[in-house]
């Protein structure tokens, strides 16, 4: 017969073993990130592309030929991005040291202005703690990560093609695995539709935000408008902070190229359309989104960013949702799924 002491010991051992397993899994995933990152990207590109394949099939185009058209579209997109951004990226990289020096001079001038106005601030100490050039370095880091991904572009495209070929059989395999009437089949199908809807809406909003940003910068004559527009499109996938980070490099570029007034104009434009698309339009289209708590989204952003870099930050919400669904189907671990849920969804579940 189990005594209370034995039960406490058993529970402590279970927690210890679970924690050890978590550390081993995290270490293994971090060590295998060169393999996992292309695989994860291929999964979510396939999720976005599959509705287009279904649409082409409805137009009586054979599935194999539809997938071939998607393949050609991805190749064309890759070549288009490379040719469009290649020159801008090279020019920006070559001029980066000069931009860094100019930003430091602007910062020193700003601190001197404050001291002349009687504000006691040590500009030298602040400059040592905060390097203005580091903000622009963030752009170089993200774009360098993008360059690493482009080196694996062919591998990713091939994986996407094979995933699209297998997509039609995925539901049949799930039914075979869990049974045609099992609740898990319905739950997994609902999850797949939710992820698909999230990725499609997020992609559409990101394209719209990046396009408006590009047009705005072209009108104002800021250098590298297509580079900043693509960066805005890419970083908009990062929840909460991505669109705000995307506005920093073009704002600083406007300061370097023109003056403080133009910097404020560019920043005002980014503030308007980031709030229009990100805080007004997206929540109304997305609804409850992926059903994750805001705190969980922020923590997952930090964790997956540490794990996989910028790609982990972009895919943090779908990855965390997959984990949430997985725990919901594991007996004894449903509490973890409940913990990850948004307060709104938990409230409505209690009311039912």
C-alpha atoms as a PDB file:
ATOM      1  CA  UNK A   1       0.000   0.000   0.000  1.00  0.00           C
ATOM      2  CA  UNK A   2       1.318   3.418  -0.987  1.00  0.00           C
ATOM      3  CA  UNK A   3       2.023   5.744   1.901  1.00  0.00           C
ATOM      4  CA  UNK A   4       1.841   9.562   1.583  1.00  0.00           C
ATOM      5  CA  UNK A   5       5.635   9.619   1.710  1.00  0.00           C
ATOM      6  CA  UNK A   6       5.892   7.159  -1.188  1.00  0.00           C
ATOM      7  CA  UNK A   7       3.394   9.207  -3.212  1.00  0.00           C
ATOM      8  CA  UNK A   8       5.380  12.401  -2.627  1.00  0.00           C
ATOM      9  CA  UNK A   9       8.615  10.610  -3.560  1.00  0.00           C
ATOM     10  CA  UNK A  10       7.057   9.191  -6.720  1.00  0.00           C
ATOM     11  CA  UNK A  11       5.749  12.618  -7.730  1.00  0.00           C
ATOM     12  CA  UNK A  12       9.135  14.212  -7.064  1.00  0.00           C
ATOM     13  CA  UNK A  13      10.821  11.556  -9.201  1.00  0.00           C
ATOM     14  CA  UNK A  14       8.318  12.128 -12.002  1.00  0.00           C
ATOM     15  CA  UNK A  15       8.978  15.876 -11.951  1.00  0.00           C
ATOM     16  CA  UNK A  16      12.736  15.239 -11.919  1.00  0.00           C
ATOM     17  CA  UNK A  17      12.587  12.796 -14.834  1.00  0.00           C
ATOM     18  CA  UNK A  18      10.310  15.126 -16.821  1.00  0.00           C
ATOM     19  CA  UNK A  19      12.664  18.063 -16.247  1.00  0.00           C
ATOM     20  CA  UNK A  20      15.678  15.977 -17.270  1.00  0.00           C
ATOM     21  CA  UNK A  21      13.886  14.795 -20.414  1.00  0.00           C
ATOM     22  CA  UNK A  22      12.975  18.401 -21.267  1.00  0.00           C
ATOM     23  CA  UNK A  23      16.608  19.509 -20.955  1.00  0.00           C
ATOM     24  CA  UNK A  24      17.785  16.606 -23.146  1.00  0.00           C
ATOM     25  CA  UNK A  25      15.160  17.368 -25.817  1.00  0.00           C
ATOM     26  CA  UNK A  26      15.996  21.099 -25.825  1.00  0.00           C
ATOM     27  CA  UNK A  27      19.733  20.380 -26.090  1.00  0.00           C
ATOM     28  CA  UNK A  28      19.106  17.922 -28.930  1.00  0.00           C
ATOM     29  CA  UNK A  29      16.892  20.369 -30.840  1.00  0.00           C
ATOM     30  CA  UNK A  30      19.422  23.164 -30.442  1.00  0.00           C
ATOM     31  CA  UNK A  31      22.220  20.893 -31.670  1.00  0.00           C
ATOM     32  CA  UNK A  32      20.106  19.817 -34.668  1.00  0.00           C
ATOM     33  CA  UNK A  33      18.861  23.304 -35.602  1.00  0.00           C
ATOM     34  CA  UNK A  34      20.603  23.158 -39.000  1.00  0.00           C
ATOM     35  CA  UNK A  35      18.251  20.293 -39.892  1.00  0.00           C
ATOM     36  CA  UNK A  36      15.156  21.390 -37.979  1.00  0.00           C
ATOM     37  CA  UNK A  37      14.986  24.968 -39.278  1.00  0.00           C
ATOM     38  CA  UNK A  38      14.641  24.000 -42.986  1.00  0.00           C
ATOM     39  CA  UNK A  39      12.174  21.262 -41.989  1.00  0.00           C
ATOM     40  CA  UNK A  40       9.983  23.659 -39.979  1.00  0.00           C
ATOM     41  CA  UNK A  41      10.079  26.243 -42.762  1.00  0.00           C
ATOM     42  CA  UNK A  42       9.074  23.598 -45.285  1.00  0.00           C
ATOM     43  CA  UNK A  43       6.115  22.553 -43.110  1.00  0.00           C
ATOM     44  CA  UNK A  44       4.692  26.053 -42.831  1.00  0.00           C
ATOM     45  CA  UNK A  45       5.353  26.937 -46.485  1.00  0.00           C
ATOM     46  CA  UNK A  46       3.474  23.753 -47.381  1.00  0.00           C
ATOM     47  CA  UNK A  47       0.608  24.825 -45.099  1.00  0.00           C
ATOM     48  CA  UNK A  48       0.395  28.161 -46.920  1.00  0.00           C
ATOM     49  CA  UNK A  49       0.744  26.584 -50.374  1.00  0.00           C
ATOM     50  CA  UNK A  50      -1.747  23.719 -49.953  1.00  0.00           C
ATOM     51  CA  UNK A  51      -4.890  25.938 -50.283  1.00  0.00           C
ATOM     52  CA  UNK A  52      -3.522  27.220 -53.596  1.00  0.00           C
ATOM     53  CA  UNK A  53      -3.076  23.621 -54.786  1.00  0.00           C
ATOM     54  CA  UNK A  54      -6.682  22.881 -53.770  1.00  0.00           C
ATOM     55  CA  UNK A  55      -7.864  25.994 -55.613  1.00  0.00           C
ATOM     56  CA  UNK A  56      -6.075  24.922 -58.812  1.00  0.00           C
ATOM     57  CA  UNK A  57      -7.591  21.454 -58.483  1.00  0.00           C
ATOM     58  CA  UNK A  58     -11.060  23.001 -58.313  1.00  0.00           C
ATOM     59  CA  UNK A  59     -10.225  24.621 -61.664  1.00  0.00           C
ATOM     60  CA  UNK A  60      -9.753  21.067 -63.028  1.00  0.00           C
ATOM     61  CA  UNK A  61      -5.966  21.259 -63.056  1.00  0.00           C
ATOM     62  CA  UNK A  62      -4.392  17.891 -62.079  1.00  0.00           C
ATOM     63  CA  UNK A  63      -2.821  17.825 -58.618  1.00  0.00           C
ATOM     64  CA  UNK A  64       0.625  16.888 -59.941  1.00  0.00           C
ATOM     65  CA  UNK A  65       0.641  19.794 -62.391  1.00  0.00           C
ATOM     66  CA  UNK A  66      -0.702  22.133 -59.667  1.00  0.00           C
ATOM     67  CA  UNK A  67       2.215  21.182 -57.408  1.00  0.00           C
ATOM     68  CA  UNK A  68       4.605  21.753 -60.334  1.00  0.00           C
ATOM     69  CA  UNK A  69       3.158  25.254 -60.790  1.00  0.00           C
ATOM     70  CA  UNK A  70       3.684  25.936 -57.068  1.00  0.00           C
ATOM     71  CA  UNK A  71       7.269  24.724 -57.478  1.00  0.00           C
ATOM     72  CA  UNK A  72       7.838  27.166 -60.349  1.00  0.00           C
ATOM     73  CA  UNK A  73       6.219  29.952 -58.305  1.00  0.00           C
ATOM     74  CA  UNK A  74       8.547  29.326 -55.344  1.00  0.00           C
ATOM     75  CA  UNK A  75      11.615  29.271 -57.599  1.00  0.00           C
ATOM     76  CA  UNK A  76      10.514  32.506 -59.294  1.00  0.00           C
ATOM     77  CA  UNK A  77       9.875  34.128 -55.908  1.00  0.00           C
ATOM     78  CA  UNK A  78      13.339  33.110 -54.694  1.00  0.00           C
ATOM     79  CA  UNK A  79      15.061  34.502 -57.787  1.00  0.00           C
ATOM     80  CA  UNK A  80      12.950  37.659 -57.609  1.00  0.00           C
ATOM     81  CA  UNK A  81      13.833  38.335 -53.971  1.00  0.00           C
ATOM     82  CA  UNK A  82      17.522  37.620 -54.595  1.00  0.00           C
ATOM     83  CA  UNK A  83      17.739  39.938 -57.614  1.00  0.00           C
ATOM     84  CA  UNK A  84      15.611  42.668 -56.010  1.00  0.00           C
ATOM     85  CA  UNK A  85      17.441  42.773 -52.690  1.00  0.00           C
ATOM     86  CA  UNK A  86      20.923  41.686 -53.726  1.00  0.00           C
ATOM     87  CA  UNK A  87      22.163  45.110 -54.806  1.00  0.00           C
ATOM     88  CA  UNK A  88      20.542  46.949 -51.876  1.00  0.00           C
ATOM     89  CA  UNK A  89      21.913  44.446 -49.378  1.00  0.00           C
ATOM     90  CA  UNK A  90      25.452  44.726 -50.751  1.00  0.00           C
ATOM     91  CA  UNK A  91      25.324  48.532 -50.727  1.00  0.00           C
ATOM     92  CA  UNK A  92      23.955  48.594 -47.203  1.00  0.00           C
ATOM     93  CA  UNK A  93      26.634  46.164 -45.968  1.00  0.00           C
ATOM     94  CA  UNK A  94      29.426  48.208 -47.587  1.00  0.00           C
ATOM     95  CA  UNK A  95      28.129  51.493 -46.128  1.00  0.00           C
ATOM     96  CA  UNK A  96      27.300  50.063 -42.708  1.00  0.00           C
ATOM     97  CA  UNK A  97      30.515  51.278 -40.921  1.00  0.00           C
ATOM     98  CA  UNK A  98      29.851  54.805 -42.207  1.00  0.00           C
ATOM     99  CA  UNK A  99      26.238  54.682 -40.998  1.00  0.00           C
ATOM    100  CA  UNK A 100      27.403  53.502 -37.579  1.00  0.00           C
ATOM    101  CA  UNK A 101      29.790  56.451 -37.210  1.00  0.00           C
ATOM    102  CA  UNK A 102      27.077  58.918 -38.269  1.00  0.00           C
ATOM    103  CA  UNK A 103      24.624  57.500 -35.738  1.00  0.00           C
ATOM    104  CA  UNK A 104      27.187  57.856 -32.962  1.00  0.00           C
ATOM    105  CA  UNK A 105      27.750  61.509 -33.947  1.00  0.00           C
ATOM    106  CA  UNK A 106      24.003  62.177 -33.890  1.00  0.00           C
ATOM    107  CA  UNK A 107      23.774  60.580 -30.435  1.00  0.00           C
ATOM    108  CA  UNK A 108      26.687  62.667 -29.104  1.00  0.00           C
ATOM    109  CA  UNK A 109      25.100  65.816 -30.522  1.00  0.00           C
ATOM    110  CA  UNK A 110      21.792  64.938 -28.868  1.00  0.00           C
ATOM    111  CA  UNK A 111      23.435  64.469 -25.461  1.00  0.00           C
ATOM    112  CA  UNK A 112      25.369  67.728 -25.846  1.00  0.00           C
ATOM    113  CA  UNK A 113      22.101  69.504 -26.663  1.00  0.00           C
ATOM    114  CA  UNK A 114      20.537  68.142 -23.455  1.00  0.00           C
ATOM    115  CA  UNK A 115      23.494  69.335 -21.390  1.00  0.00           C
ATOM    116  CA  UNK A 116      23.234  72.813 -22.920  1.00  0.00           C
ATOM    117  CA  UNK A 117      19.585  72.898 -21.853  1.00  0.00           C
ATOM    118  CA  UNK A 118      20.558  72.101 -18.274  1.00  0.00           C
ATOM    119  CA  UNK A 119      19.757  68.382 -18.329  1.00  0.00           C
ATOM    120  CA  UNK A 120      22.554  66.633 -16.469  1.00  0.00           C
ATOM    121  CA  UNK A 121      23.261  63.478 -18.435  1.00  0.00           C
ATOM    122  CA  UNK A 122      26.499  61.660 -19.121  1.00  0.00           C
ATOM    123  CA  UNK A 123      26.423  61.019 -22.834  1.00  0.00           C
ATOM    124  CA  UNK A 124      29.682  59.065 -22.814  1.00  0.00           C
ATOM    125  CA  UNK A 125      28.386  56.553 -20.267  1.00  0.00           C
ATOM    126  CA  UNK A 126      25.114  56.136 -22.164  1.00  0.00           C
ATOM    127  CA  UNK A 127      26.962  55.636 -25.428  1.00  0.00           C
ATOM    128  CA  UNK A 128      29.071  52.927 -23.800  1.00  0.00           C
ATOM    129  CA  UNK A 129      25.931  51.181 -22.547  1.00  0.00           C
ATOM    130  CA  UNK A 130      23.855  51.752 -25.683  1.00  0.00           C
ATOM    131  CA  UNK A 131      25.504  51.651 -29.070  1.00  0.00           C
ATOM    132  CA  UNK A 132      23.205  53.252 -31.693  1.00  0.00           C
ATOM    133  CA  UNK A 133      24.897  51.200 -34.354  1.00  0.00           C
ATOM    134  CA  UNK A 134      23.746  48.037 -32.602  1.00  0.00           C
ATOM    135  CA  UNK A 135      20.184  48.827 -33.669  1.00  0.00           C
ATOM    136  CA  UNK A 136      21.249  48.789 -37.295  1.00  0.00           C
ATOM    137  CA  UNK A 137      23.324  45.662 -36.592  1.00  0.00           C
ATOM    138  CA  UNK A 138      20.057  43.911 -35.764  1.00  0.00           C
ATOM    139  CA  UNK A 139      19.038  44.361 -39.394  1.00  0.00           C
ATOM    140  CA  UNK A 140      22.312  42.852 -40.588  1.00  0.00           C
ATOM    141  CA  UNK A 141      21.816  39.898 -38.247  1.00  0.00           C
ATOM    142  CA  UNK A 142      18.303  39.179 -39.499  1.00  0.00           C
ATOM    143  CA  UNK A 143      19.338  39.511 -43.132  1.00  0.00           C
ATOM    144  CA  UNK A 144      22.392  37.316 -42.539  1.00  0.00           C
ATOM    145  CA  UNK A 145      20.065  34.672 -41.124  1.00  0.00           C
ATOM    146  CA  UNK A 146      17.927  35.047 -44.230  1.00  0.00           C
ATOM    147  CA  UNK A 147      21.004  34.504 -46.381  1.00  0.00           C
ATOM    148  CA  UNK A 148      21.734  31.273 -44.522  1.00  0.00           C
ATOM    149  CA  UNK A 149      18.194  30.101 -45.237  1.00  0.00           C
ATOM    150  CA  UNK A 150      18.530  30.947 -48.935  1.00  0.00           C
ATOM    151  CA  UNK A 151      21.524  28.606 -49.136  1.00  0.00           C
ATOM    152  CA  UNK A 152      19.119  25.797 -48.180  1.00  0.00           C
ATOM    153  CA  UNK A 153      16.373  27.087 -50.485  1.00  0.00           C
ATOM    154  CA  UNK A 154      16.545  24.133 -52.897  1.00  0.00           C
ATOM    155  CA  UNK A 155      16.312  21.626 -50.033  1.00  0.00           C
ATOM    156  CA  UNK A 156      13.334  23.502 -48.546  1.00  0.00           C
ATOM    157  CA  UNK A 157      11.524  23.672 -51.902  1.00  0.00           C
ATOM    158  CA  UNK A 158      12.019  19.943 -52.509  1.00  0.00           C
ATOM    159  CA  UNK A 159      10.649  19.138 -49.040  1.00  0.00           C
ATOM    160  CA  UNK A 160       7.647  21.408 -49.685  1.00  0.00           C
ATOM    161  CA  UNK A 161       6.921  19.574 -52.947  1.00  0.00           C
ATOM    162  CA  UNK A 162       6.997  16.175 -51.236  1.00  0.00           C
ATOM    163  CA  UNK A 163       4.821  17.464 -48.378  1.00  0.00           C
ATOM    164  CA  UNK A 164       2.251  18.779 -50.846  1.00  0.00           C
ATOM    165  CA  UNK A 165       2.231  15.407 -52.584  1.00  0.00           C
ATOM    166  CA  UNK A 166       1.595  13.675 -49.236  1.00  0.00           C
ATOM    167  CA  UNK A 167      -0.908  16.250 -47.921  1.00  0.00           C
ATOM    168  CA  UNK A 168      -3.922  14.460 -49.389  1.00  0.00           C
ATOM    169  CA  UNK A 169      -2.948  11.243 -47.593  1.00  0.00           C
ATOM    170  CA  UNK A 170      -2.351  12.951 -44.230  1.00  0.00           C
ATOM    171  CA  UNK A 171      -6.010  12.921 -43.179  1.00  0.00           C
ATOM    172  CA  UNK A 172      -6.368   9.258 -44.176  1.00  0.00           C
ATOM    173  CA  UNK A 173      -3.329   8.365 -42.073  1.00  0.00           C
ATOM    174  CA  UNK A 174      -4.784  10.227 -39.082  1.00  0.00           C
ATOM    175  CA  UNK A 175      -8.093   8.370 -39.476  1.00  0.00           C
ATOM    176  CA  UNK A 176      -6.225   5.064 -39.706  1.00  0.00           C
ATOM    177  CA  UNK A 177      -4.165   5.913 -36.642  1.00  0.00           C
ATOM    178  CA  UNK A 178      -6.936   7.183 -34.343  1.00  0.00           C
ATOM    179  CA  UNK A 179     -10.113   5.753 -35.892  1.00  0.00           C
ATOM    180  CA  UNK A 180     -12.761   7.446 -38.011  1.00  0.00           C
ATOM    181  CA  UNK A 181     -15.000   8.398 -35.076  1.00  0.00           C
ATOM    182  CA  UNK A 182     -12.352   9.313 -32.560  1.00  0.00           C
ATOM    183  CA  UNK A 183     -12.527  12.821 -31.069  1.00  0.00           C
ATOM    184  CA  UNK A 184      -8.805  13.246 -31.632  1.00  0.00           C
ATOM    185  CA  UNK A 185      -9.303  13.053 -35.396  1.00  0.00           C
ATOM    186  CA  UNK A 186     -11.702  15.989 -35.233  1.00  0.00           C
ATOM    187  CA  UNK A 187      -9.380  17.882 -32.907  1.00  0.00           C
ATOM    188  CA  UNK A 188      -6.346  17.378 -35.143  1.00  0.00           C
ATOM    189  CA  UNK A 189      -8.354  18.407 -38.219  1.00  0.00           C
ATOM    190  CA  UNK A 190      -9.527  21.520 -36.367  1.00  0.00           C
ATOM    191  CA  UNK A 191      -5.943  22.268 -35.338  1.00  0.00           C
ATOM    192  CA  UNK A 192      -4.710  21.901 -38.945  1.00  0.00           C
ATOM    193  CA  UNK A 193      -7.371  24.312 -40.171  1.00  0.00           C
ATOM    194  CA  UNK A 194      -6.510  26.770 -37.380  1.00  0.00           C
ATOM    195  CA  UNK A 195      -2.792  26.750 -38.228  1.00  0.00           C
ATOM    196  CA  UNK A 196      -3.588  27.076 -41.938  1.00  0.00           C
ATOM    197  CA  UNK A 197      -5.913  30.019 -41.281  1.00  0.00           C
ATOM    198  CA  UNK A 198      -3.381  31.706 -38.994  1.00  0.00           C
ATOM    199  CA  UNK A 199      -0.527  31.373 -41.498  1.00  0.00           C
ATOM    200  CA  UNK A 200      -2.645  32.579 -44.432  1.00  0.00           C
ATOM    201  CA  UNK A 201      -4.000  35.619 -42.545  1.00  0.00           C
ATOM    202  CA  UNK A 202      -0.586  36.447 -41.095  1.00  0.00           C
ATOM    203  CA  UNK A 203       1.002  36.190 -44.546  1.00  0.00           C
ATOM    204  CA  UNK A 204      -1.655  38.429 -46.119  1.00  0.00           C
ATOM    205  CA  UNK A 205      -1.265  41.050 -43.355  1.00  0.00           C
ATOM    206  CA  UNK A 206       2.532  40.893 -43.630  1.00  0.00           C
ATOM    207  CA  UNK A 207       2.421  41.336 -47.418  1.00  0.00           C
ATOM    208  CA  UNK A 208       0.084  44.316 -47.030  1.00  0.00           C
ATOM    209  CA  UNK A 209       2.253  45.909 -44.313  1.00  0.00           C
ATOM    210  CA  UNK A 210       5.478  45.384 -46.274  1.00  0.00           C
ATOM    211  CA  UNK A 211       3.944  46.740 -49.496  1.00  0.00           C
ATOM    212  CA  UNK A 212       2.588  49.890 -47.824  1.00  0.00           C
ATOM    213  CA  UNK A 213       5.947  50.445 -46.098  1.00  0.00           C
ATOM    214  CA  UNK A 214       7.793  50.115 -49.420  1.00  0.00           C
ATOM    215  CA  UNK A 215       5.484  52.603 -51.156  1.00  0.00           C
ATOM    216  CA  UNK A 216       5.785  55.046 -48.228  1.00  0.00           C
ATOM    217  CA  UNK A 217       9.591  54.924 -48.311  1.00  0.00           C
ATOM    218  CA  UNK A 218       9.637  55.279 -52.118  1.00  0.00           C
ATOM    219  CA  UNK A 219       7.491  58.412 -51.869  1.00  0.00           C
ATOM    220  CA  UNK A 220       9.786  59.919 -49.234  1.00  0.00           C
ATOM    221  CA  UNK A 221      12.938  58.919 -51.130  1.00  0.00           C
ATOM    222  CA  UNK A 222      14.525  56.912 -48.293  1.00  0.00           C
ATOM    223  CA  UNK A 223      17.370  54.639 -49.406  1.00  0.00           C
ATOM    224  CA  UNK A 224      16.842  50.878 -49.820  1.00  0.00           C
ATOM    225  CA  UNK A 225      13.004  50.973 -49.766  1.00  0.00           C
ATOM    226  CA  UNK A 226      12.604  47.395 -51.064  1.00  0.00           C
ATOM    227  CA  UNK A 227      15.052  46.106 -48.454  1.00  0.00           C
ATOM    228  CA  UNK A 228      13.145  47.787 -45.604  1.00  0.00           C
ATOM    229  CA  UNK A 229       9.801  46.736 -47.077  1.00  0.00           C
ATOM    230  CA  UNK A 230      10.866  43.096 -47.234  1.00  0.00           C
ATOM    231  CA  UNK A 231      12.254  43.339 -43.693  1.00  0.00           C
ATOM    232  CA  UNK A 232       8.879  44.730 -42.572  1.00  0.00           C
ATOM    233  CA  UNK A 233       7.103  41.818 -44.281  1.00  0.00           C
ATOM    234  CA  UNK A 234       9.422  39.302 -42.625  1.00  0.00           C
ATOM    235  CA  UNK A 235       9.442  40.747 -39.101  1.00  0.00           C
ATOM    236  CA  UNK A 236       5.674  41.207 -39.097  1.00  0.00           C
ATOM    237  CA  UNK A 237       5.420  37.444 -38.486  1.00  0.00           C
ATOM    238  CA  UNK A 238       7.015  38.033 -35.080  1.00  0.00           C
ATOM    239  CA  UNK A 239       4.136  38.738 -32.681  1.00  0.00           C
ATOM    240  CA  UNK A 240       3.900  41.867 -30.515  1.00  0.00           C
ATOM    241  CA  UNK A 241       7.281  43.445 -31.283  1.00  0.00           C
ATOM    242  CA  UNK A 242       8.143  42.443 -34.858  1.00  0.00           C
ATOM    243  CA  UNK A 243       6.431  45.285 -36.707  1.00  0.00           C
ATOM    244  CA  UNK A 244       7.889  47.849 -34.270  1.00  0.00           C
ATOM    245  CA  UNK A 245      11.427  46.508 -34.711  1.00  0.00           C
ATOM    246  CA  UNK A 246      10.978  46.631 -38.492  1.00  0.00           C
ATOM    247  CA  UNK A 247      10.386  50.398 -38.330  1.00  0.00           C
ATOM    248  CA  UNK A 248      13.665  51.211 -36.556  1.00  0.00           C
ATOM    249  CA  UNK A 249      16.165  50.765 -39.467  1.00  0.00           C
ATOM    250  CA  UNK A 250      14.257  52.945 -42.010  1.00  0.00           C
ATOM    251  CA  UNK A 251      13.676  55.597 -39.338  1.00  0.00           C
ATOM    252  CA  UNK A 252      17.422  55.738 -38.606  1.00  0.00           C
ATOM    253  CA  UNK A 253      18.177  55.704 -42.338  1.00  0.00           C
ATOM    254  CA  UNK A 254      15.919  58.758 -42.779  1.00  0.00           C
ATOM    255  CA  UNK A 255      17.873  60.486 -39.989  1.00  0.00           C
ATOM    256  CA  UNK A 256      21.218  59.659 -41.637  1.00  0.00           C
ATOM    257  CA  UNK A 257      20.060  60.595 -45.134  1.00  0.00           C
ATOM    258  CA  UNK A 258      17.996  63.696 -44.303  1.00  0.00           C
ATOM    259  CA  UNK A 259      17.267  65.175 -40.859  1.00  0.00           C
ATOM    260  CA  UNK A 260      15.223  64.779 -37.684  1.00  0.00           C
ATOM    261  CA  UNK A 261      12.048  66.050 -39.353  1.00  0.00           C
ATOM    262  CA  UNK A 262      12.174  63.345 -42.053  1.00  0.00           C
ATOM    263  CA  UNK A 263      12.926  60.772 -39.370  1.00  0.00           C
ATOM    264  CA  UNK A 264       9.712  61.781 -37.583  1.00  0.00           C
ATOM    265  CA  UNK A 265       7.731  61.607 -40.846  1.00  0.00           C
ATOM    266  CA  UNK A 266       8.940  58.055 -41.557  1.00  0.00           C
ATOM    267  CA  UNK A 267       8.292  57.016 -37.954  1.00  0.00           C
ATOM    268  CA  UNK A 268       4.789  58.510 -38.055  1.00  0.00           C
ATOM    269  CA  UNK A 269       3.984  56.550 -41.212  1.00  0.00           C
ATOM    270  CA  UNK A 270       5.178  53.287 -39.640  1.00  0.00           C
ATOM    271  CA  UNK A 271       3.174  54.047 -36.499  1.00  0.00           C
ATOM    272  CA  UNK A 272      -0.015  54.560 -38.544  1.00  0.00           C
ATOM    273  CA  UNK A 273       0.079  51.470 -40.741  1.00  0.00           C
ATOM    274  CA  UNK A 274       1.498  49.192 -38.017  1.00  0.00           C
ATOM    275  CA  UNK A 275      -1.454  50.105 -35.813  1.00  0.00           C
ATOM    276  CA  UNK A 276      -3.881  49.921 -38.750  1.00  0.00           C
ATOM    277  CA  UNK A 277      -2.825  46.422 -39.828  1.00  0.00           C
ATOM    278  CA  UNK A 278      -1.447  44.960 -36.604  1.00  0.00           C
ATOM    279  CA  UNK A 279      -3.742  46.334 -33.890  1.00  0.00           C
ATOM    280  CA  UNK A 280      -6.957  47.030 -35.800  1.00  0.00           C
ATOM    281  CA  UNK A 281      -7.329  44.855 -38.900  1.00  0.00           C
ATOM    282  CA  UNK A 282      -5.505  41.677 -37.858  1.00  0.00           C
ATOM    283  CA  UNK A 283      -7.351  41.062 -34.535  1.00  0.00           C
ATOM    284  CA  UNK A 284     -10.717  41.521 -36.266  1.00  0.00           C
ATOM    285  CA  UNK A 285      -9.852  38.995 -38.970  1.00  0.00           C
ATOM    286  CA  UNK A 286      -7.968  36.588 -36.704  1.00  0.00           C
ATOM    287  CA  UNK A 287     -10.505  36.554 -33.858  1.00  0.00           C
ATOM    288  CA  UNK A 288      -9.108  34.513 -30.954  1.00  0.00           C
ATOM    289  CA  UNK A 289      -6.171  33.526 -33.151  1.00  0.00           C
ATOM    290  CA  UNK A 290      -4.382  30.408 -31.958  1.00  0.00           C
ATOM    291  CA  UNK A 291      -5.922  30.501 -28.482  1.00  0.00           C
ATOM    292  CA  UNK A 292      -2.633  31.226 -26.674  1.00  0.00           C
ATOM    293  CA  UNK A 293      -2.147  33.465 -23.670  1.00  0.00           C
ATOM    294  CA  UNK A 294      -0.379  36.761 -24.413  1.00  0.00           C
ATOM    295  CA  UNK A 295       2.229  35.962 -21.752  1.00  0.00           C
ATOM    296  CA  UNK A 296       2.799  32.531 -23.296  1.00  0.00           C
ATOM    297  CA  UNK A 297       3.244  34.125 -26.737  1.00  0.00           C
ATOM    298  CA  UNK A 298       5.879  36.511 -25.362  1.00  0.00           C
ATOM    299  CA  UNK A 299       7.738  33.737 -23.505  1.00  0.00           C
ATOM    300  CA  UNK A 300       7.600  31.470 -26.571  1.00  0.00           C
ATOM    301  CA  UNK A 301       8.977  34.362 -28.638  1.00  0.00           C
ATOM    302  CA  UNK A 302      12.025  34.561 -26.367  1.00  0.00           C
ATOM    303  CA  UNK A 303      12.474  30.781 -26.077  1.00  0.00           C
ATOM    304  CA  UNK A 304      12.141  29.871 -29.772  1.00  0.00           C
ATOM    305  CA  UNK A 305      14.202  32.931 -30.736  1.00  0.00           C
ATOM    306  CA  UNK A 306      16.973  31.614 -28.492  1.00  0.00           C
ATOM    307  CA  UNK A 307      16.501  28.110 -29.899  1.00  0.00           C
ATOM    308  CA  UNK A 308      16.333  28.792 -33.656  1.00  0.00           C
ATOM    309  CA  UNK A 309      17.169  32.485 -34.072  1.00  0.00           C
ATOM    310  CA  UNK A 310      14.964  34.794 -36.215  1.00  0.00           C
ATOM    311  CA  UNK A 311      13.142  31.830 -37.800  1.00  0.00           C
ATOM    312  CA  UNK A 312      12.171  30.597 -34.341  1.00  0.00           C
ATOM    313  CA  UNK A 313      10.724  34.019 -33.538  1.00  0.00           C
ATOM    314  CA  UNK A 314       8.728  34.010 -36.782  1.00  0.00           C
ATOM    315  CA  UNK A 315       7.314  30.511 -36.173  1.00  0.00           C
ATOM    316  CA  UNK A 316       6.984  30.707 -32.379  1.00  0.00           C
ATOM    317  CA  UNK A 317       3.169  30.902 -32.333  1.00  0.00           C
ATOM    318  CA  UNK A 318       2.464  27.891 -34.612  1.00  0.00           C
ATOM    319  CA  UNK A 319       5.147  25.777 -32.883  1.00  0.00           C
ATOM    320  CA  UNK A 320       3.763  26.572 -29.429  1.00  0.00           C
ATOM    321  CA  UNK A 321       0.240  25.767 -30.643  1.00  0.00           C
ATOM    322  CA  UNK A 322       1.422  22.348 -31.859  1.00  0.00           C
ATOM    323  CA  UNK A 323       2.849  21.693 -28.394  1.00  0.00           C
ATOM    324  CA  UNK A 324      -0.417  22.863 -26.805  1.00  0.00           C
ATOM    325  CA  UNK A 325      -2.466  20.458 -28.937  1.00  0.00           C
ATOM    326  CA  UNK A 326      -0.018  17.623 -28.205  1.00  0.00           C
ATOM    327  CA  UNK A 327      -0.362  18.087 -24.434  1.00  0.00           C
ATOM    328  CA  UNK A 328      -4.153  18.267 -24.795  1.00  0.00           C
ATOM    329  CA  UNK A 329      -4.034  14.692 -26.152  1.00  0.00           C
ATOM    330  CA  UNK A 330      -1.707  13.273 -23.485  1.00  0.00           C
ATOM    331  CA  UNK A 331      -3.449  11.827 -20.456  1.00  0.00           C
ATOM    332  CA  UNK A 332      -2.367  13.610 -17.299  1.00  0.00           C
ATOM    333  CA  UNK A 333      -0.822  16.541 -19.189  1.00  0.00           C
ATOM    334  CA  UNK A 334      -4.001  18.410 -20.133  1.00  0.00           C
ATOM    335  CA  UNK A 335      -3.252  20.957 -17.423  1.00  0.00           C
ATOM    336  CA  UNK A 336      -0.254  22.179 -19.458  1.00  0.00           C
ATOM    337  CA  UNK A 337      -2.523  22.795 -22.457  1.00  0.00           C
ATOM    338  CA  UNK A 338      -4.968  24.669 -20.205  1.00  0.00           C
ATOM    339  CA  UNK A 339      -2.106  26.749 -18.810  1.00  0.00           C
ATOM    340  CA  UNK A 340      -1.096  27.782 -22.348  1.00  0.00           C
ATOM    341  CA  UNK A 341      -4.630  28.820 -23.322  1.00  0.00           C
ATOM    342  CA  UNK A 342      -5.724  32.411 -23.567  1.00  0.00           C
ATOM    343  CA  UNK A 343      -7.950  33.623 -20.672  1.00  0.00           C
ATOM    344  CA  UNK A 344     -10.793  34.361 -23.140  1.00  0.00           C
ATOM    345  CA  UNK A 345     -10.926  30.805 -24.460  1.00  0.00           C
ATOM    346  CA  UNK A 346     -10.671  29.319 -20.947  1.00  0.00           C
ATOM    347  CA  UNK A 347     -13.547  31.540 -19.791  1.00  0.00           C
ATOM    348  CA  UNK A 348     -15.872  30.481 -22.609  1.00  0.00           C
ATOM    349  CA  UNK A 349     -15.009  26.827 -22.035  1.00  0.00           C
ATOM    350  CA  UNK A 350     -16.150  27.156 -18.411  1.00  0.00           C
ATOM    351  CA  UNK A 351     -19.427  28.762 -19.514  1.00  0.00           C
ATOM    352  CA  UNK A 352     -20.282  25.825 -21.779  1.00  0.00           C
END
